[in-house]
Amino acid sequence: MARASPFFLVLISLGFFFVTYNLVTMVIHYQSAEGDQELIDGGSSTQSYDLKRLNEHKRLFHVALTATDAAYSKWQCRVMYYWYKKMKDREGSEMGGFTRVLHSGSPDNLMEEIPTFVVDPLPEGRDRGYIVLNRPWAFVQWLQRATIEEDYILMAEPDHIFVNPLPNLARGSDPAGFPFFYIKPSENEKIVRKFFPEEKGPLTSIDPIGNSPVIIQKSQLQKLAPTWMNVSLQMKDDSETDKAFGWVLEMYAYAIASALHGVRHILRKDFMIQPPWDLKVGKTFIIHYTYGCDYSLEGKLTYGKIGEWRFDKRTYILNAPPRNLSLPPPGVPESVVTLVKMVNDATANIPGWEDGS
């Protein structure tokens, strides 16, 4: 399979930069999720329920993430897998096995380090530069061909770090997902109705989620994944939809596919945090480091401007970050400090860090 040129990867990096700061300008504080679905913030009553159920029996879930063989994807997967292993057997965890679903079509140099299942990418040119379009197709192949012992699956991403042991947040056939403030079906009714016609129900039937993080029954995902894939491809082929949804197109596709199957998600705000907007770690479970974290040396967040101190995964498109990244200056929120410390912990302890990506 042909590898992308450094110049092309730099262009992708610039694209990621503008996508990030376009989203940054959309919101400073999270807005409430739309729809009438159950929204849980991880308060004491929810934690008591989770602990009570854990004392009864464990419902293990398989951790699965899709990835490519690019250096940018590899180093994130290594950090993610490191913290999975650290959290898997701690009290409160219901993590089962782990699989990196590699959709580059051939094995890479992390096969022995991380449990990996190789699947095919979409036909050349089919993703039209939107590599995330390979995600639903990768899950379809994996679910059809792999032996998965657990009854539940967590769909995760390379840029997730487990910051606390994760229990199974699903309740029977009700999967658990994270509410994203920018997934708003009712504000995009004209477009959404192309794929979710009125006879299928109200727009409030569509949860404000993406596919990740989601904990869902394996049997449900096996039915839902082909629809998710087909809706994603149809959306990408529709120029109006492609322009409107951009880099979150595949997230909308998962939300709509779920609604088409009558699947509603428990919305868990404590599922993950996203620095720099979320300031505290608390009793949340995942850090998602999709946004750049830019600060002045006085610890002030610099909105839309590269800071004097920064951590942004897009800085490391072509190579993995070095060990021992500098810590944030005083005044930077706990979430950002924790993120950098956890990356440093992983890179310090993963053998052959400089050679593995």
Protein backbone atom coordinates (compact mmCIF):
# COMPACT_ATOMS: atom_id res chain seq x y z
CA MET A 1 0.00 0.00 0.00
CA ALA A 2 1.41 3.44 -0.92
CA ARG A 3 2.41 5.69 1.95
CA ALA A 4 1.49 9.36 2.16
CA SER A 5 4.23 11.85 1.38
CA PRO A 6 5.52 14.15 4.15
CA PHE A 7 4.17 17.14 2.21
CA PHE A 8 0.68 15.60 2.17
CA LEU A 9 0.89 14.90 5.91
CA VAL A 10 1.87 18.50 6.55
CA LEU A 11 -1.21 19.63 4.62
CA ILE A 12 -3.33 17.33 6.78
CA SER A 13 -1.70 18.83 9.85
CA LEU A 14 -2.64 22.34 8.73
CA GLY A 15 -6.17 21.16 8.03
CA PHE A 16 -6.40 19.67 11.53
CA PHE A 17 -5.17 22.96 12.98
CA PHE A 18 -7.91 24.99 11.32
CA VAL A 19 -10.58 22.40 12.18
CA THR A 20 -9.55 22.54 15.82
CA TYR A 21 -9.71 26.30 16.10
CA ASN A 22 -12.94 26.54 14.12
CA LEU A 23 -14.46 24.30 16.78
CA VAL A 24 -12.83 26.32 19.52
CA THR A 25 -14.54 29.47 18.32
CA MET A 26 -17.89 27.70 18.45
CA VAL A 27 -17.91 27.30 22.21
CA ILE A 28 -16.12 28.19 25.40
CA HIS A 29 -18.43 26.32 27.75
CA TYR A 30 -20.25 23.13 26.85
CA GLN A 31 -23.86 23.56 25.96
CA SER A 32 -26.54 21.13 27.09
CA ALA A 33 -27.24 18.13 24.89
CA GLU A 34 -30.41 18.26 22.82
CA GLY A 35 -33.12 15.66 22.78
CA ASP A 36 -35.04 13.89 25.52
CA GLN A 37 -32.58 11.11 26.20
CA GLU A 38 -31.27 10.36 29.69
CA LEU A 39 -28.32 12.60 30.55
CA ILE A 40 -26.06 11.50 33.39
CA ASP A 41 -23.34 13.65 34.88
CA GLY A 42 -21.66 11.00 37.00
CA GLY A 43 -23.03 12.25 40.33
CA SER A 44 -23.12 10.28 43.57
CA SER A 45 -26.33 8.37 42.74
CA THR A 46 -24.88 7.19 39.44
CA GLN A 47 -21.62 6.13 41.08
CA SER A 48 -23.54 4.24 43.76
CA TYR A 49 -25.48 2.39 41.05
CA ASP A 50 -22.26 1.51 39.22
CA LEU A 51 -20.56 0.24 42.39
CA LYS A 52 -23.61 -1.78 43.45
CA ARG A 53 -23.79 -3.47 40.08
CA LEU A 54 -20.04 -4.18 40.08
CA ASN A 55 -20.44 -6.03 43.37
CA GLU A 56 -23.04 -8.29 41.77
CA HIS A 57 -21.21 -9.46 38.65
CA LYS A 58 -18.81 -8.17 36.03
CA ARG A 59 -19.97 -7.46 32.48
CA LEU A 60 -16.72 -7.27 30.57
CA PHE A 61 -16.41 -5.18 27.43
CA HIS A 62 -13.83 -5.46 24.67
CA VAL A 63 -11.85 -2.29 23.96
CA ALA A 64 -11.54 -1.64 20.22
CA LEU A 65 -10.08 1.27 18.33
CA THR A 66 -9.44 1.78 14.64
CA ALA A 67 -6.05 2.96 13.45
CA THR A 68 -3.72 3.41 10.50
CA ASP A 69 -0.04 2.57 10.08
CA ALA A 70 0.97 6.26 10.06
CA ALA A 71 3.37 7.48 12.75
CA TYR A 72 0.72 9.91 14.00
CA SER A 73 -1.70 7.05 14.71
CA LYS A 74 0.94 4.66 16.05
CA TRP A 75 2.28 6.77 18.90
CA GLN A 76 -1.22 7.59 20.11
CA CYS A 77 -2.15 3.90 20.05
CA ARG A 78 0.94 3.04 22.09
CA VAL A 79 0.08 5.59 24.77
CA MET A 80 -3.54 4.49 24.79
CA TYR A 81 -2.64 0.78 25.14
CA TYR A 82 -0.15 1.55 27.91
CA TRP A 83 -2.87 3.16 30.04
CA TYR A 84 -5.37 0.43 29.17
CA LYS A 85 -2.96 -2.10 30.68
CA LYS A 86 -2.46 0.08 33.76
CA MET A 87 -6.21 0.45 34.38
CA LYS A 88 -7.56 -2.91 33.21
CA ASP A 89 -7.21 -4.86 36.44
CA ARG A 90 -7.81 -2.06 38.93
CA GLU A 91 -10.86 -2.08 41.17
CA GLY A 92 -13.92 -0.83 39.34
CA SER A 93 -12.72 -1.81 35.88
CA GLU A 94 -14.75 -4.05 33.59
CA MET A 95 -12.31 -3.89 30.71
CA GLY A 96 -11.84 -7.15 28.88
CA GLY A 97 -9.64 -7.70 25.85
CA PHE A 98 -8.15 -5.09 23.54
CA THR A 99 -7.90 -4.85 19.76
CA ARG A 100 -6.34 -2.26 17.50
CA VAL A 101 -8.31 -2.64 14.27
CA LEU A 102 -5.67 -1.68 11.71
CA HIS A 103 -7.31 -0.58 8.46
CA SER A 104 -4.12 -0.12 6.45
CA GLY A 105 -4.47 -3.55 4.87
CA SER A 106 -1.18 -5.07 6.03
CA PRO A 107 0.70 -5.70 9.31
CA ASP A 108 3.00 -3.05 10.77
CA ASN A 109 5.75 -2.97 13.39
CA LEU A 110 3.39 -2.80 16.38
CA MET A 111 1.81 -6.21 15.87
CA GLU A 112 3.75 -7.79 18.75
CA GLU A 113 3.33 -4.83 21.09
CA ILE A 114 -0.43 -4.25 20.68
CA PRO A 115 -3.10 -6.89 19.96
CA THR A 116 -4.03 -6.06 16.37
CA PHE A 117 -6.51 -7.26 13.75
CA VAL A 118 -5.72 -6.21 10.18
CA VAL A 119 -8.58 -5.25 7.88
CA ASP A 120 -8.76 -3.67 4.44
CA PRO A 121 -9.13 0.05 3.82
CA LEU A 122 -11.86 1.33 1.57
CA PRO A 123 -11.04 1.08 -2.14
CA GLU A 124 -8.49 3.67 -3.19
CA GLY A 125 -10.04 7.11 -3.50
CA ARG A 126 -13.33 6.09 -1.87
CA ASP A 127 -12.66 8.05 1.32
CA ARG A 128 -11.77 11.16 -0.75
CA GLY A 129 -9.22 12.27 1.82
CA TYR A 130 -11.55 11.76 4.78
CA ILE A 131 -9.69 8.90 6.44
CA VAL A 132 -12.24 8.58 9.24
CA LEU A 133 -14.61 7.12 6.65
CA ASN A 134 -12.60 3.90 7.02
CA ARG A 135 -13.72 3.52 10.65
CA PRO A 136 -17.21 2.04 10.12
CA TRP A 137 -15.92 -0.21 7.31
CA ALA A 138 -13.14 -1.42 9.64
CA PHE A 139 -15.65 -2.27 12.36
CA VAL A 140 -17.87 -4.13 9.89
CA GLN A 141 -14.95 -6.35 8.85
CA TRP A 142 -13.71 -6.92 12.38
CA LEU A 143 -17.15 -7.84 13.70
CA GLN A 144 -17.66 -10.29 10.84
CA ARG A 145 -14.28 -12.00 10.98
CA ALA A 146 -12.87 -11.78 14.52
CA THR A 147 -13.64 -13.92 17.55
CA ILE A 148 -14.74 -11.53 20.31
CA GLU A 149 -15.36 -13.18 23.66
CA GLU A 150 -17.01 -10.27 25.46
CA ASP A 151 -20.70 -9.42 25.05
CA TYR A 152 -20.01 -5.66 25.01
CA ILE A 153 -17.66 -3.46 23.02
CA LEU A 154 -16.15 -0.08 23.81
CA MET A 155 -15.45 1.85 20.63
CA ALA A 156 -12.48 4.05 21.48
CA GLU A 157 -9.92 6.16 19.62
CA PRO A 158 -6.13 6.42 19.63
CA ASP A 159 -6.23 9.82 21.35
CA HIS A 160 -8.06 8.46 24.39
CA ILE A 161 -6.26 7.96 27.70
CA PHE A 162 -7.91 6.00 30.50
CA VAL A 163 -7.59 8.23 33.53
CA ASN A 164 -9.67 6.05 35.87
CA PRO A 165 -10.79 2.39 35.76
CA LEU A 166 -13.77 2.17 33.42
CA PRO A 167 -16.84 0.11 34.34
CA ASN A 168 -19.44 -1.02 31.84
CA LEU A 169 -21.63 2.09 31.63
CA ALA A 170 -24.23 0.38 29.41
CA ARG A 171 -27.38 -0.97 31.01
CA GLY A 172 -28.45 -4.12 29.25
CA SER A 173 -29.50 -3.19 25.72
CA ASP A 174 -29.13 0.54 26.45
CA PRO A 175 -25.63 1.52 25.28
CA ALA A 176 -23.72 4.39 26.82
CA GLY A 177 -22.30 7.30 24.86
CA PHE A 178 -20.84 10.75 25.37
CA PRO A 179 -22.91 13.84 24.43
CA PHE A 180 -21.03 16.16 22.05
CA PHE A 181 -22.14 19.79 22.13
CA TYR A 182 -21.68 20.19 18.36
CA ILE A 183 -23.84 17.25 17.25
CA LYS A 184 -27.18 19.00 16.78
CA PRO A 185 -29.60 17.15 14.50
CA SER A 186 -32.46 19.63 15.00
CA GLU A 187 -30.31 22.53 13.76
CA ASN A 188 -29.54 20.58 10.59
CA GLU A 189 -33.02 19.24 9.87
CA LYS A 190 -32.92 19.67 6.11
CA ILE A 191 -29.75 17.61 5.81
CA VAL A 192 -30.54 15.04 8.47
CA ARG A 193 -33.93 14.29 6.90
CA LYS A 194 -32.16 13.08 3.76
CA PHE A 195 -31.00 10.07 5.79
CA PHE A 196 -33.61 9.95 8.56
CA PRO A 197 -37.00 10.61 6.92
CA GLU A 198 -39.97 11.85 8.91
CA GLU A 199 -41.66 8.46 8.97
CA LYS A 200 -38.71 7.16 11.02
CA GLY A 201 -39.54 9.51 13.88
CA PRO A 202 -38.73 12.91 15.37
CA LEU A 203 -35.23 14.34 15.24
CA THR A 204 -35.05 13.98 19.01
CA SER A 205 -34.73 10.24 18.35
CA ILE A 206 -31.17 10.96 17.23
CA ASP A 207 -28.73 11.14 20.12
CA PRO A 208 -26.09 13.94 20.12
CA ILE A 209 -23.21 11.47 19.96
CA GLY A 210 -20.54 9.97 17.76
CA ASN A 211 -19.44 6.37 17.71
CA SER A 212 -16.75 6.99 20.29
CA PRO A 213 -16.70 6.62 23.16
CA VAL A 214 -19.61 4.20 23.15
CA ILE A 215 -20.12 0.98 25.09
CA ILE A 216 -22.64 -1.20 23.30
CA GLN A 217 -23.73 -4.82 23.11
CA LYS A 218 -21.79 -6.72 20.49
CA SER A 219 -25.02 -8.08 18.99
CA GLN A 220 -26.38 -4.54 18.59
CA LEU A 221 -23.21 -3.26 16.94
CA GLN A 222 -23.14 -6.19 14.53
CA LYS A 223 -26.57 -5.11 13.26
CA LEU A 224 -25.88 -1.38 13.37
CA ALA A 225 -22.38 -1.21 11.85
CA PRO A 226 -23.33 -1.92 8.20
CA THR A 227 -25.97 0.84 8.36
CA TRP A 228 -23.42 3.19 9.92
CA MET A 229 -21.02 2.42 7.07
CA ASN A 230 -23.63 2.93 4.36
CA VAL A 231 -24.96 6.17 5.83
CA SER A 232 -21.38 7.47 6.12
CA LEU A 233 -20.69 6.76 2.45
CA GLN A 234 -24.00 8.27 1.36
CA MET A 235 -23.31 11.42 3.37
CA LYS A 236 -19.84 11.78 1.88
CA ASP A 237 -21.30 11.42 -1.62
CA ASP A 238 -23.82 14.20 -0.96
CA SER A 239 -21.99 17.48 -1.48
CA GLU A 240 -24.37 19.51 0.70
CA THR A 241 -24.00 17.10 3.61
CA ASP A 242 -20.26 16.83 3.16
CA LYS A 243 -19.89 20.61 3.26
CA ALA A 244 -22.17 21.06 6.26
CA PHE A 245 -20.79 18.29 8.48
CA GLY A 246 -17.13 18.20 7.42
CA TRP A 247 -14.94 16.33 9.90
CA VAL A 248 -17.88 15.29 12.08
CA LEU A 249 -19.76 13.64 9.20
CA GLU A 250 -19.03 10.10 10.39
CA MET A 251 -20.22 11.01 13.90
CA TYR A 252 -23.57 12.15 12.53
CA ALA A 253 -23.71 8.94 10.49
CA TYR A 254 -23.36 6.81 13.61
CA ALA A 255 -25.99 8.82 15.48
CA ILE A 256 -28.43 8.51 12.58
CA ALA A 257 -27.70 4.81 12.04
CA SER A 258 -28.43 4.18 15.72
CA ALA A 259 -31.75 5.99 15.44
CA LEU A 260 -32.67 4.01 12.32
CA HIS A 261 -32.24 0.85 14.40
CA GLY A 262 -34.20 2.30 17.31
CA VAL A 263 -31.11 2.37 19.56
CA ARG A 264 -30.97 5.09 22.22
CA HIS A 265 -27.87 5.80 24.29
CA ILE A 266 -27.51 6.70 27.95
CA LEU A 267 -25.65 10.00 27.74
CA ARG A 268 -22.75 10.00 30.18
CA LYS A 269 -21.09 13.39 30.59
CA ASP A 270 -18.57 11.74 32.92
CA PHE A 271 -17.49 9.30 30.18
CA MET A 272 -14.65 11.61 29.17
CA ILE A 273 -13.20 15.10 29.39
CA GLN A 274 -11.67 17.19 26.62
CA PRO A 275 -8.91 19.56 27.71
CA PRO A 276 -8.54 22.49 27.70
CA TRP A 277 -12.30 23.07 27.97
CA ASP A 278 -12.84 20.60 30.80
CA LEU A 279 -10.73 21.72 33.73
CA LYS A 280 -10.99 18.87 36.24
CA VAL A 281 -10.40 15.13 35.97
CA GLY A 282 -12.41 14.13 39.03
CA LYS A 283 -14.17 10.78 38.65
CA THR A 284 -14.30 10.83 34.87
CA PHE A 285 -12.87 7.93 32.87
CA ILE A 286 -11.18 9.12 29.66
CA ILE A 287 -9.12 12.10 28.58
CA HIS A 288 -9.69 12.90 24.93
CA TYR A 289 -6.88 15.14 23.70
CA THR A 290 -8.33 16.24 20.40
CA TYR A 291 -7.96 19.97 21.06
CA GLY A 292 -4.72 21.91 21.16
CA CYS A 293 -3.79 23.25 24.60
CA ASP A 294 -2.15 26.66 24.25
CA TYR A 295 -1.21 28.84 27.22
CA SER A 296 0.83 31.89 28.07
CA LEU A 297 3.66 31.49 30.57
CA GLU A 298 1.25 33.03 33.09
CA GLY A 299 -1.07 30.04 32.65
CA LYS A 300 -3.72 31.83 30.58
CA LEU A 301 -5.44 29.97 27.76
CA THR A 302 -4.81 31.71 24.42
CA TYR A 303 -7.96 31.24 22.34
CA GLY A 304 -7.14 30.50 18.71
CA LYS A 305 -3.50 31.50 19.14
CA ILE A 306 -0.41 29.32 19.51
CA GLY A 307 0.74 29.67 23.09
CA GLU A 308 4.13 30.17 24.66
CA TRP A 309 3.55 26.72 26.14
CA ARG A 310 1.54 24.21 24.18
CA PHE A 311 0.61 20.59 23.81
CA ASP A 312 -1.11 19.67 20.57
CA LYS A 313 -1.04 16.16 19.15
CA ARG A 314 -0.85 17.65 15.65
CA THR A 315 2.66 18.87 16.43
CA TYR A 316 3.67 15.22 16.09
CA ILE A 317 2.23 14.27 12.71
CA LEU A 318 5.46 12.82 11.30
CA ASN A 319 7.16 11.59 14.47
CA ALA A 320 6.25 10.60 18.00
CA PRO A 321 6.66 13.21 20.73
CA PRO A 322 9.94 13.05 22.63
CA ARG A 323 10.13 11.71 26.13
CA ASN A 324 9.82 14.12 29.06
CA LEU A 325 7.68 16.86 27.54
CA SER A 326 7.81 20.11 29.50
CA LEU A 327 5.02 20.46 32.04
CA PRO A 328 2.55 23.35 31.78
CA PRO A 329 3.29 26.61 33.62
CA PRO A 330 1.60 27.34 36.97
CA GLY A 331 -2.09 28.15 36.69
CA VAL A 332 -2.88 25.70 33.89
CA PRO A 333 -5.91 23.48 34.71
CA GLU A 334 -5.54 20.05 36.29
CA SER A 335 -6.86 18.31 33.19
CA VAL A 336 -4.02 19.60 31.00
CA VAL A 337 -1.35 18.90 33.61
CA THR A 338 -2.67 15.36 34.06
CA LEU A 339 -2.69 14.78 30.31
CA VAL A 340 0.95 15.77 29.85
CA LYS A 341 2.05 13.80 32.92
CA MET A 342 0.29 10.69 31.63
CA VAL A 343 1.86 11.03 28.17
CA ASN A 344 5.26 11.41 29.84
CA ASP A 345 4.64 8.38 32.06
CA ALA A 346 3.80 6.28 29.01
CA THR A 347 6.75 7.42 26.89
CA ALA A 348 9.17 6.89 29.78
CA ASN A 349 8.07 3.28 30.27
CA ILE A 350 7.25 2.00 26.77
CA PRO A 351 10.33 0.11 25.54
CA GLY A 352 11.82 1.41 22.30
CA TRP A 353 9.64 4.51 22.29
CA GLU A 354 11.84 6.35 19.79
CA ASP A 355 11.87 3.37 17.41
CA GLY A 356 8.27 2.19 17.53
CA SER A 357 6.57 4.81 15.38
